[in-house]
Each structure stands twice: as structure tokens, then as C-alpha cells.
Amino acid sequence: MISQSDIQGRLRLLRYGLIVVVIVAFFVALLVPYAAIVTFWSANPGVEEIVSPPGLLDGIGTAIIATIVTAVVCAAIYIGYSRFLNSRRSS
């Protein structure tokens, strides 16, 4: 049997961890265009003059979509884990 304070502590830790995952997903998705350009430049020397680097906000739409998808998955994980813990407490 798990106490209510133990359940709350586990859920708080999971919630903070999932918030970090969502924030990291946003920044990774925002930086993907830069990583793609650097990889392309390193594979094709001399093309730096032809292919310009992306602007700062060029990948913002994709980053927001990736963040929303990640947030929905994290919310589902949190709700599922919460229900799992509460079912273990009552049985």
C-alpha cells in the first residue's frame, strides 16, 4: 500500500520531469534547421555561398507542433501513471 503523500511526491517528480522534456523538445525542434544546414555544409564544402543559413524563426512552426505533440504525450503519461498509482493505493 502506498501512502497519499508518497503518491503526491511521485507525481510531482514526474510532472517536473515531463515539463523539462517538453521544454527540451521545443529547443531541439527549433534547432533542427541549423543542424541540418551545418551537416549539409560539412558534406558539401564550398556551398556556403549558395545555401544561406535559416533565420531564427524559420523553424518556429515545426517547433510548436513538436512541442504540442510532446505535451499531449506527456499529459497522457502523467494521467496514466496517476491512475496506476491510485489503483495501487485503493487495492
PDB file of N, CA and C in Angstrom:
ATOM      1  N   MET A   1       0.823  -1.169   0.000  1.00  0.00           N
ATOM      2  CA  MET A   1       0.000   0.000   0.000  1.00  0.00           C
ATOM      3  C   MET A   1       0.882   1.253   0.000  1.00  0.00           C
ATOM      4  N   ILE A   2       0.515   2.222  -0.798  1.00  0.00           N
ATOM      5  CA  ILE A   2       1.276   3.452  -0.937  1.00  0.00           C
ATOM      6  C   ILE A   2       0.500   4.571  -0.244  1.00  0.00           C
ATOM      7  N   SER A   3       1.208   5.378   0.528  1.00  0.00           N
ATOM      8  CA  SER A   3       0.539   6.485   1.210  1.00  0.00           C
ATOM      9  C   SER A   3       0.240   7.619   0.229  1.00  0.00           C
ATOM     10  N   GLN A   4      -0.688   8.463   0.598  1.00  0.00           N
ATOM     11  CA  GLN A   4      -1.087   9.573  -0.269  1.00  0.00           C
ATOM     12  C   GLN A   4       0.059  10.556  -0.465  1.00  0.00           C
ATOM     13  N   SER A   5       0.853  10.798   0.563  1.00  0.00           N
ATOM     14  CA  SER A   5       1.977  11.725   0.422  1.00  0.00           C
ATOM     15  C   SER A   5       3.043  11.152  -0.518  1.00  0.00           C
ATOM     16  N   ASP A   6       3.235   9.833  -0.509  1.00  0.00           N
ATOM     17  CA  ASP A   6       4.173   9.194  -1.425  1.00  0.00           C
ATOM     18  C   ASP A   6       3.685   9.315  -2.866  1.00  0.00           C
ATOM     19  N   ILE A   7       2.395   9.143  -3.063  1.00  0.00           N
ATOM     20  CA  ILE A   7       1.819   9.290  -4.407  1.00  0.00           C
ATOM     21  C   ILE A   7       1.999  10.724  -4.900  1.00  0.00           C
ATOM     22  N   GLN A   8       1.719  11.689  -4.047  1.00  0.00           N
ATOM     23  CA  GLN A   8       1.866  13.091  -4.440  1.00  0.00           C
ATOM     24  C   GLN A   8       3.320  13.425  -4.767  1.00  0.00           C
ATOM     25  N   GLY A   9       4.255  12.890  -3.990  1.00  0.00           N
ATOM     26  CA  GLY A   9       5.670  13.122  -4.266  1.00  0.00           C
ATOM     27  C   GLY A   9       6.096  12.525  -5.597  1.00  0.00           C
ATOM     28  N   ARG A  10       5.642  11.315  -5.898  1.00  0.00           N
ATOM     29  CA  ARG A  10       5.982  10.684  -7.168  1.00  0.00           C
ATOM     30  C   ARG A  10       5.383  11.451  -8.341  1.00  0.00           C
ATOM     31  N   LEU A  11       4.140  11.885  -8.186  1.00  0.00           N
ATOM     32  CA  LEU A  11       3.504  12.630  -9.265  1.00  0.00           C
ATOM     33  C   LEU A  11       4.152  13.995  -9.469  1.00  0.00           C
ATOM     34  N   ARG A  12       4.569  14.644  -8.395  1.00  0.00           N
ATOM     35  CA  ARG A  12       5.257  15.933  -8.505  1.00  0.00           C
ATOM     36  C   ARG A  12       6.574  15.771  -9.251  1.00  0.00           C
ATOM     37  N   LEU A  13       7.336  14.736  -8.915  1.00  0.00           N
ATOM     38  CA  LEU A  13       8.605  14.482  -9.590  1.00  0.00           C
ATOM     39  C   LEU A  13       8.379  14.176 -11.070  1.00  0.00           C
ATOM     40  N   LEU A  14       7.385  13.373 -11.375  1.00  0.00           N
ATOM     41  CA  LEU A  14       7.075  13.060 -12.769  1.00  0.00           C
ATOM     42  C   LEU A  14       6.638  14.315 -13.517  1.00  0.00           C
ATOM     43  N   ARG A  15       5.823  15.137 -12.889  1.00  0.00           N
ATOM     44  CA  ARG A  15       5.333  16.359 -13.533  1.00  0.00           C
ATOM     45  C   ARG A  15       6.491  17.288 -13.884  1.00  0.00           C
ATOM     46  N   TYR A  16       7.428  17.493 -12.961  1.00  0.00           N
ATOM     47  CA  TYR A  16       8.569  18.358 -13.238  1.00  0.00           C
ATOM     48  C   TYR A  16       9.450  17.759 -14.330  1.00  0.00           C
ATOM     49  N   GLY A  17       9.634  16.461 -14.310  1.00  0.00           N
ATOM     50  CA  GLY A  17      10.420  15.813 -15.352  1.00  0.00           C
ATOM     51  C   GLY A  17       9.785  15.946 -16.715  1.00  0.00           C
ATOM     52  N   LEU A  18       8.477  15.805 -16.786  1.00  0.00           N
ATOM     53  CA  LEU A  18       7.792  15.920 -18.069  1.00  0.00           C
ATOM     54  C   LEU A  18       7.795  17.358 -18.581  1.00  0.00           C
ATOM     55  N   ILE A  19       7.763  18.324 -17.688  1.00  0.00           N
ATOM     56  CA  ILE A  19       7.881  19.730 -18.110  1.00  0.00           C
ATOM     57  C   ILE A  19       9.241  19.974 -18.741  1.00  0.00           C
ATOM     58  N   VAL A  20      10.282  19.408 -18.150  1.00  0.00           N
ATOM     59  CA  VAL A  20      11.624  19.536 -18.720  1.00  0.00           C
ATOM     60  C   VAL A  20      11.682  18.872 -20.095  1.00  0.00           C
ATOM     61  N   VAL A  21      11.041  17.731 -20.246  1.00  0.00           N
ATOM     62  CA  VAL A  21      11.024  17.040 -21.537  1.00  0.00           C
ATOM     63  C   VAL A  21      10.355  17.908 -22.603  1.00  0.00           C
ATOM     64  N   VAL A  22       9.260  18.557 -22.263  1.00  0.00           N
ATOM     65  CA  VAL A  22       8.554  19.414 -23.225  1.00  0.00           C
ATOM     66  C   VAL A  22       9.422  20.610 -23.617  1.00  0.00           C
ATOM     67  N   ILE A  23      10.088  21.218 -22.657  1.00  0.00           N
ATOM     68  CA  ILE A  23      10.947  22.377 -22.950  1.00  0.00           C
ATOM     69  C   ILE A  23      12.123  21.968 -23.823  1.00  0.00           C
ATOM     70  N   VAL A  24      12.743  20.850 -23.511  1.00  0.00           N
ATOM     71  CA  VAL A  24      13.870  20.365 -24.318  1.00  0.00           C
ATOM     72  C   VAL A  24      13.402  20.016 -25.729  1.00  0.00           C
ATOM     73  N   ALA A  25      12.221  19.427 -25.858  1.00  0.00           N
ATOM     74  CA  ALA A  25      11.687  19.100 -27.183  1.00  0.00           C
ATOM     75  C   ALA A  25      11.496  20.370 -28.014  1.00  0.00           C
ATOM     76  N   PHE A  26      11.046  21.439 -27.398  1.00  0.00           N
ATOM     77  CA  PHE A  26      10.880  22.699 -28.125  1.00  0.00           C
ATOM     78  C   PHE A  26      12.218  23.205 -28.653  1.00  0.00           C
ATOM     79  N   PHE A  27      13.222  23.241 -27.798  1.00  0.00           N
ATOM     80  CA  PHE A  27      14.511  23.772 -28.228  1.00  0.00           C
ATOM     81  C   PHE A  27      15.201  22.870 -29.247  1.00  0.00           C
ATOM     82  N   VAL A  28      15.067  21.580 -29.098  1.00  0.00           N
ATOM     83  CA  VAL A  28      15.659  20.667 -30.084  1.00  0.00           C
ATOM     84  C   VAL A  28      14.971  20.843 -31.431  1.00  0.00           C
ATOM     85  N   ALA A  29      13.640  20.920 -31.435  1.00  0.00           N
ATOM     86  CA  ALA A  29      12.923  21.109 -32.692  1.00  0.00           C
ATOM     87  C   ALA A  29      13.227  22.471 -33.312  1.00  0.00           C
ATOM     88  N   LEU A  30      13.493  23.457 -32.494  1.00  0.00           N
ATOM     89  CA  LEU A  30      13.834  24.783 -33.003  1.00  0.00           C
ATOM     90  C   LEU A  30      15.215  24.799 -33.648  1.00  0.00           C
ATOM     91  N   LEU A  31      16.125  23.974 -33.147  1.00  0.00           N
ATOM     92  CA  LEU A  31      17.495  23.981 -33.643  1.00  0.00           C
ATOM     93  C   LEU A  31      17.757  22.972 -34.760  1.00  0.00           C
ATOM     94  N   VAL A  32      16.777  22.170 -35.133  1.00  0.00           N
ATOM     95  CA  VAL A  32      16.971  21.172 -36.190  1.00  0.00           C
ATOM     96  C   VAL A  32      17.366  21.811 -37.525  1.00  0.00           C
ATOM     97  N   PRO A  33      16.757  22.921 -37.969  1.00  0.00           N
ATOM     98  CA  PRO A  33      17.202  23.503 -39.253  1.00  0.00           C
ATOM     99  C   PRO A  33      18.679  23.892 -39.251  1.00  0.00           C
ATOM    100  N   TYR A  34      19.175  24.383 -38.127  1.00  0.00           N
ATOM    101  CA  TYR A  34      20.588  24.748 -38.055  1.00  0.00           C
ATOM    102  C   TYR A  34      21.481  23.519 -38.137  1.00  0.00           C
ATOM    103  N   ALA A  35      21.095  22.455 -37.470  1.00  0.00           N
ATOM    104  CA  ALA A  35      21.880  21.225 -37.523  1.00  0.00           C
ATOM    105  C   ALA A  35      21.881  20.648 -38.934  1.00  0.00           C
ATOM    106  N   ALA A  36      20.756  20.739 -39.625  1.00  0.00           N
ATOM    107  CA  ALA A  36      20.683  20.230 -40.996  1.00  0.00           C
ATOM    108  C   ALA A  36      21.589  21.031 -41.925  1.00  0.00           C
ATOM    109  N   ILE A  37      21.598  22.345 -41.769  1.00  0.00           N
ATOM    110  CA  ILE A  37      22.449  23.185 -42.618  1.00  0.00           C
ATOM    111  C   ILE A  37      23.921  22.926 -42.345  1.00  0.00           C
ATOM    112  N   VAL A  38      24.296  22.801 -41.076  1.00  0.00           N
ATOM    113  CA  VAL A  38      25.700  22.540 -40.738  1.00  0.00           C
ATOM    114  C   VAL A  38      26.139  21.195 -41.300  1.00  0.00           C
ATOM    115  N   THR A  39      25.273  20.202 -41.208  1.00  0.00           N
ATOM    116  CA  THR A  39      25.592  18.886 -41.763  1.00  0.00           C
ATOM    117  C   THR A  39      25.723  18.967 -43.277  1.00  0.00           C
ATOM    118  N   PHE A  40      24.824  19.706 -43.919  1.00  0.00           N
ATOM    119  CA  PHE A  40      24.890  19.862 -45.371  1.00  0.00           C
ATOM    120  C   PHE A  40      26.153  20.592 -45.777  1.00  0.00           C
ATOM    121  N   TRP A  41      26.501  21.644 -45.053  1.00  0.00           N
ATOM    122  CA  TRP A  41      27.711  22.397 -45.365  1.00  0.00           C
ATOM    123  C   TRP A  41      28.963  21.546 -45.191  1.00  0.00           C
ATOM    124  N   SER A  42      29.008  20.749 -44.137  1.00  0.00           N
ATOM    125  CA  SER A  42      30.210  19.941 -43.918  1.00  0.00           C
ATOM    126  C   SER A  42      30.332  18.820 -44.948  1.00  0.00           C
ATOM    127  N   ALA A  43      29.202  18.330 -45.481  1.00  0.00           N
ATOM    128  CA  ALA A  43      29.250  17.285 -46.508  1.00  0.00           C
ATOM    129  C   ALA A  43      29.554  17.860 -47.880  1.00  0.00           C
ATOM    130  N   ASN A  44      29.266  19.130 -48.105  1.00  0.00           N
ATOM    131  CA  ASN A  44      29.476  19.781 -49.406  1.00  0.00           C
ATOM    132  C   ASN A  44      30.287  21.059 -49.227  1.00  0.00           C
ATOM    133  N   PRO A  45      31.607  20.960 -49.176  1.00  0.00           N
ATOM    134  CA  PRO A  45      32.410  22.173 -48.987  1.00  0.00           C
ATOM    135  C   PRO A  45      32.269  23.126 -50.176  1.00  0.00           C
ATOM    136  N   GLY A  46      32.269  24.407 -49.882  1.00  0.00           N
ATOM    137  CA  GLY A  46      32.167  25.430 -50.909  1.00  0.00           C
ATOM    138  C   GLY A  46      30.742  25.838 -51.234  1.00  0.00           C
ATOM    139  N   VAL A  47      29.763  25.244 -50.585  1.00  0.00           N
ATOM    140  CA  VAL A  47      28.372  25.562 -50.895  1.00  0.00           C
ATOM    141  C   VAL A  47      27.812  26.615 -49.930  1.00  0.00           C
ATOM    142  N   GLU A  48      28.633  27.103 -49.028  1.00  0.00           N
ATOM    143  CA  GLU A  48      28.177  28.073 -48.032  1.00  0.00           C
ATOM    144  C   GLU A  48      27.626  29.348 -48.673  1.00  0.00           C
ATOM    145  N   GLU A  49      28.177  29.716 -49.846  1.00  0.00           N
ATOM    146  CA  GLU A  49      27.717  30.935 -50.505  1.00  0.00           C
ATOM    147  C   GLU A  49      26.366  30.742 -51.181  1.00  0.00           C
ATOM    148  N   ILE A  50      26.045  29.518 -51.554  1.00  0.00           N
ATOM    149  CA  ILE A  50      24.803  29.241 -52.274  1.00  0.00           C
ATOM    150  C   ILE A  50      23.636  29.041 -51.311  1.00  0.00           C
ATOM    151  N   VAL A  51      23.857  28.244 -50.273  1.00  0.00           N
ATOM    152  CA  VAL A  51      22.797  27.907 -49.323  1.00  0.00           C
ATOM    153  C   VAL A  51      22.973  28.779 -48.080  1.00  0.00           C
ATOM    154  N   SER A  52      22.020  29.664 -47.856  1.00  0.00           N
ATOM    155  CA  SER A  52      22.120  30.558 -46.707  1.00  0.00           C
ATOM    156  C   SER A  52      21.576  29.868 -45.460  1.00  0.00           C
ATOM    157  N   PRO A  53      22.052  30.265 -44.297  1.00  0.00           N
ATOM    158  CA  PRO A  53      21.537  29.664 -43.056  1.00  0.00           C
ATOM    159  C   PRO A  53      20.089  30.091 -42.821  1.00  0.00           C
ATOM    160  N   PRO A  54      19.321  29.262 -42.157  1.00  0.00           N
ATOM    161  CA  PRO A  54      17.919  29.637 -41.894  1.00  0.00           C
ATOM    162  C   PRO A  54      17.838  30.772 -40.890  1.00  0.00           C
ATOM    163  N   GLY A  55      16.744  31.506 -40.958  1.00  0.00           N
ATOM    164  CA  GLY A  55      16.504  32.574 -39.998  1.00  0.00           C
ATOM    165  C   GLY A  55      16.146  31.998 -38.636  1.00  0.00           C
ATOM    166  N   LEU A  56      16.131  32.841 -37.655  1.00  0.00           N
ATOM    167  CA  LEU A  56      15.882  32.391 -36.293  1.00  0.00           C
ATOM    168  C   LEU A  56      14.488  31.806 -36.133  1.00  0.00           C
ATOM    169  N   LEU A  57      13.506  32.363 -36.812  1.00  0.00           N
ATOM    170  CA  LEU A  57      12.124  31.922 -36.636  1.00  0.00           C
ATOM    171  C   LEU A  57      11.624  31.039 -37.777  1.00  0.00           C
ATOM    172  N   ASP A  58      12.515  30.548 -38.622  1.00  0.00           N
ATOM    173  CA  ASP A  58      12.084  29.699 -39.733  1.00  0.00           C
ATOM    174  C   ASP A  58      11.509  28.372 -39.262  1.00  0.00           C
ATOM    175  N   GLY A  59      12.004  27.845 -38.172  1.00  0.00           N
ATOM    176  CA  GLY A  59      11.536  26.556 -37.691  1.00  0.00           C
ATOM    177  C   GLY A  59      10.556  26.639 -36.539  1.00  0.00           C
ATOM    178  N   ILE A  60      10.003  27.827 -36.295  1.00  0.00           N
ATOM    179  CA  ILE A  60       9.138  28.000 -35.119  1.00  0.00           C
ATOM    180  C   ILE A  60       7.835  27.220 -35.251  1.00  0.00           C
ATOM    181  N   GLY A  61       7.276  27.133 -36.450  1.00  0.00           N
ATOM    182  CA  GLY A  61       6.029  26.390 -36.633  1.00  0.00           C
ATOM    183  C   GLY A  61       6.210  24.913 -36.334  1.00  0.00           C
ATOM    184  N   THR A  62       7.268  24.351 -36.872  1.00  0.00           N
ATOM    185  CA  THR A  62       7.568  22.942 -36.611  1.00  0.00           C
ATOM    186  C   THR A  62       7.878  22.715 -35.137  1.00  0.00           C
ATOM    187  N   ALA A  63       8.589  23.643 -34.530  1.00  0.00           N
ATOM    188  CA  ALA A  63       8.921  23.512 -33.107  1.00  0.00           C
ATOM    189  C   ALA A  63       7.673  23.554 -32.242  1.00  0.00           C
ATOM    190  N   ILE A  64       6.721  24.394 -32.598  1.00  0.00           N
ATOM    191  CA  ILE A  64       5.486  24.478 -31.816  1.00  0.00           C
ATOM    192  C   ILE A  64       4.667  23.202 -31.981  1.00  0.00           C
ATOM    193  N   ILE A  65       4.594  22.682 -33.203  1.00  0.00           N
ATOM    194  CA  ILE A  65       3.859  21.434 -33.421  1.00  0.00           C
ATOM    195  C   ILE A  65       4.506  20.285 -32.648  1.00  0.00           C
ATOM    196  N   ALA A  66       5.827  20.192 -32.710  1.00  0.00           N
ATOM    197  CA  ALA A  66       6.527  19.137 -31.970  1.00  0.00           C
ATOM    198  C   ALA A  66       6.314  19.291 -30.467  1.00  0.00           C
ATOM    199  N   THR A  67       6.272  20.520 -29.985  1.00  0.00           N
ATOM    200  CA  THR A  67       6.057  20.771 -28.566  1.00  0.00           C
ATOM    201  C   THR A  67       4.641  20.371 -28.148  1.00  0.00           C
ATOM    202  N   ILE A  68       3.661  20.676 -28.976  1.00  0.00           N
ATOM    203  CA  ILE A  68       2.286  20.303 -28.657  1.00  0.00           C
ATOM    204  C   ILE A  68       2.126  18.788 -28.624  1.00  0.00           C
ATOM    205  N   VAL A  69       2.700  18.112 -29.606  1.00  0.00           N
ATOM    206  CA  VAL A  69       2.622  16.645 -29.634  1.00  0.00           C
ATOM    207  C   VAL A  69       3.311  16.054 -28.404  1.00  0.00           C
ATOM    208  N   THR A  70       4.475  16.585 -28.065  1.00  0.00           N
ATOM    209  CA  THR A  70       5.191  16.107 -26.887  1.00  0.00           C
ATOM    210  C   THR A  70       4.398  16.372 -25.615  1.00  0.00           C
ATOM    211  N   ALA A  71       3.766  17.527 -25.527  1.00  0.00           N
ATOM    212  CA  ALA A  71       2.971  17.854 -24.341  1.00  0.00           C
ATOM    213  C   ALA A  71       1.768  16.928 -24.198  1.00  0.00           C
ATOM    214  N   VAL A  72       1.131  16.582 -25.309  1.00  0.00           N
ATOM    215  CA  VAL A  72      -0.012  15.668 -25.248  1.00  0.00           C
ATOM    216  C   VAL A  72       0.439  14.280 -24.803  1.00  0.00           C
ATOM    217  N   VAL A  73       1.551  13.816 -25.340  1.00  0.00           N
ATOM    218  CA  VAL A  73       2.072  12.501 -24.930  1.00  0.00           C
ATOM    219  C   VAL A  73       2.454  12.521 -23.451  1.00  0.00           C
ATOM    220  N   CYS A  74       3.095  13.601 -23.002  1.00  0.00           N
ATOM    221  CA  CYS A  74       3.478  13.706 -21.594  1.00  0.00           C
ATOM    222  C   CYS A  74       2.249  13.773 -20.685  1.00  0.00           C
ATOM    223  N   ALA A  75       1.209  14.464 -21.126  1.00  0.00           N
ATOM    224  CA  ALA A  75      -0.018  14.518 -20.328  1.00  0.00           C
ATOM    225  C   ALA A  75      -0.649  13.135 -20.228  1.00  0.00           C
ATOM    226  N   ALA A  76      -0.624  12.380 -21.315  1.00  0.00           N
ATOM    227  CA  ALA A  76      -1.163  11.016 -21.280  1.00  0.00           C
ATOM    228  C   ALA A  76      -0.347  10.131 -20.341  1.00  0.00           C
ATOM    229  N   ILE A  77       0.953  10.286 -20.356  1.00  0.00           N
ATOM    230  CA  ILE A  77       1.810   9.520 -19.443  1.00  0.00           C
ATOM    231  C   ILE A  77       1.495   9.883 -17.994  1.00  0.00           C
ATOM    232  N   TYR A  78       1.341  11.174 -17.718  1.00  0.00           N
ATOM    233  CA  TYR A  78       1.052  11.628 -16.356  1.00  0.00           C
ATOM    234  C   TYR A  78      -0.298  11.097 -15.875  1.00  0.00           C
ATOM    235  N   ILE A  79      -1.313  11.197 -16.719  1.00  0.00           N
ATOM    236  CA  ILE A  79      -2.647  10.719 -16.329  1.00  0.00           C
ATOM    237  C   ILE A  79      -2.634   9.214 -16.118  1.00  0.00           C
ATOM    238  N   GLY A  80      -1.966   8.499 -17.015  1.00  0.00           N
ATOM    239  CA  GLY A  80      -1.887   7.043 -16.867  1.00  0.00           C
ATOM    240  C   GLY A  80      -1.156   6.626 -15.605  1.00  0.00           C
ATOM    241  N   TYR A  81      -0.051   7.297 -15.313  1.00  0.00           N
ATOM    242  CA  TYR A  81       0.701   6.959 -14.105  1.00  0.00           C
ATOM    243  C   TYR A  81      -0.081   7.327 -12.843  1.00  0.00           C
ATOM    244  N   SER A  82      -0.792   8.442 -12.901  1.00  0.00           N
ATOM    245  CA  SER A  82      -1.617   8.843 -11.764  1.00  0.00           C
ATOM    246  C   SER A  82      -2.705   7.811 -11.484  1.00  0.00           C
ATOM    247  N   ARG A  83      -3.365   7.357 -12.533  1.00  0.00           N
ATOM    248  CA  ARG A  83      -4.399   6.332 -12.350  1.00  0.00           C
ATOM    249  C   ARG A  83      -3.805   5.020 -11.862  1.00  0.00           C
ATOM    250  N   PHE A  84      -2.627   4.671 -12.367  1.00  0.00           N
ATOM    251  CA  PHE A  84      -1.958   3.453 -11.918  1.00  0.00           C
ATOM    252  C   PHE A  84      -1.639   3.519 -10.429  1.00  0.00           C
ATOM    253  N   LEU A  85      -1.080   4.654  -9.993  1.00  0.00           N
ATOM    254  CA  LEU A  85      -0.742   4.801  -8.574  1.00  0.00           C
ATOM    255  C   LEU A  85      -1.982   4.793  -7.700  1.00  0.00           C
ATOM    256  N   ASN A  86      -3.033   5.453  -8.141  1.00  0.00           N
ATOM    257  CA  ASN A  86      -4.260   5.494  -7.338  1.00  0.00           C
ATOM    258  C   ASN A  86      -4.940   4.143  -7.298  1.00  0.00           C
ATOM    259  N   SER A  87      -4.809   3.346  -8.334  1.00  0.00           N
ATOM    260  CA  SER A  87      -5.401   1.998  -8.287  1.00  0.00           C
ATOM    261  C   SER A  87      -4.605   1.096  -7.346  1.00  0.00           C
ATOM    262  N   ARG A  88      -3.305   1.298  -7.254  1.00  0.00           N
ATOM    263  CA  ARG A  88      -2.482   0.518  -6.337  1.00  0.00           C
ATOM    264  C   ARG A  88      -2.754   0.909  -4.888  1.00  0.00           C
ATOM    265  N   ARG A  89      -3.119   2.181  -4.669  1.00  0.00           N
ATOM    266  CA  ARG A  89      -3.390   2.655  -3.316  1.00  0.00           C
ATOM    267  C   ARG A  89      -4.691   2.042  -2.794  1.00  0.00           C
ATOM    268  N   SER A  90      -5.685   1.971  -3.658  1.00  0.00           N
ATOM    269  CA  SER A  90      -7.001   1.515  -3.198  1.00  0.00           C
ATOM    270  C   SER A  90      -7.093   0.007  -3.090  1.00  0.00           C
ATOM    271  N   SER A  91      -6.198  -0.723  -3.771  1.00  0.00           N
ATOM    272  CA  SER A  91      -6.303  -2.197  -3.690  1.00  0.00           C
ATOM    273  C   SER A  91      -5.448  -2.781  -2.596  1.00  0.00           C
TER     274      SER A  91
END
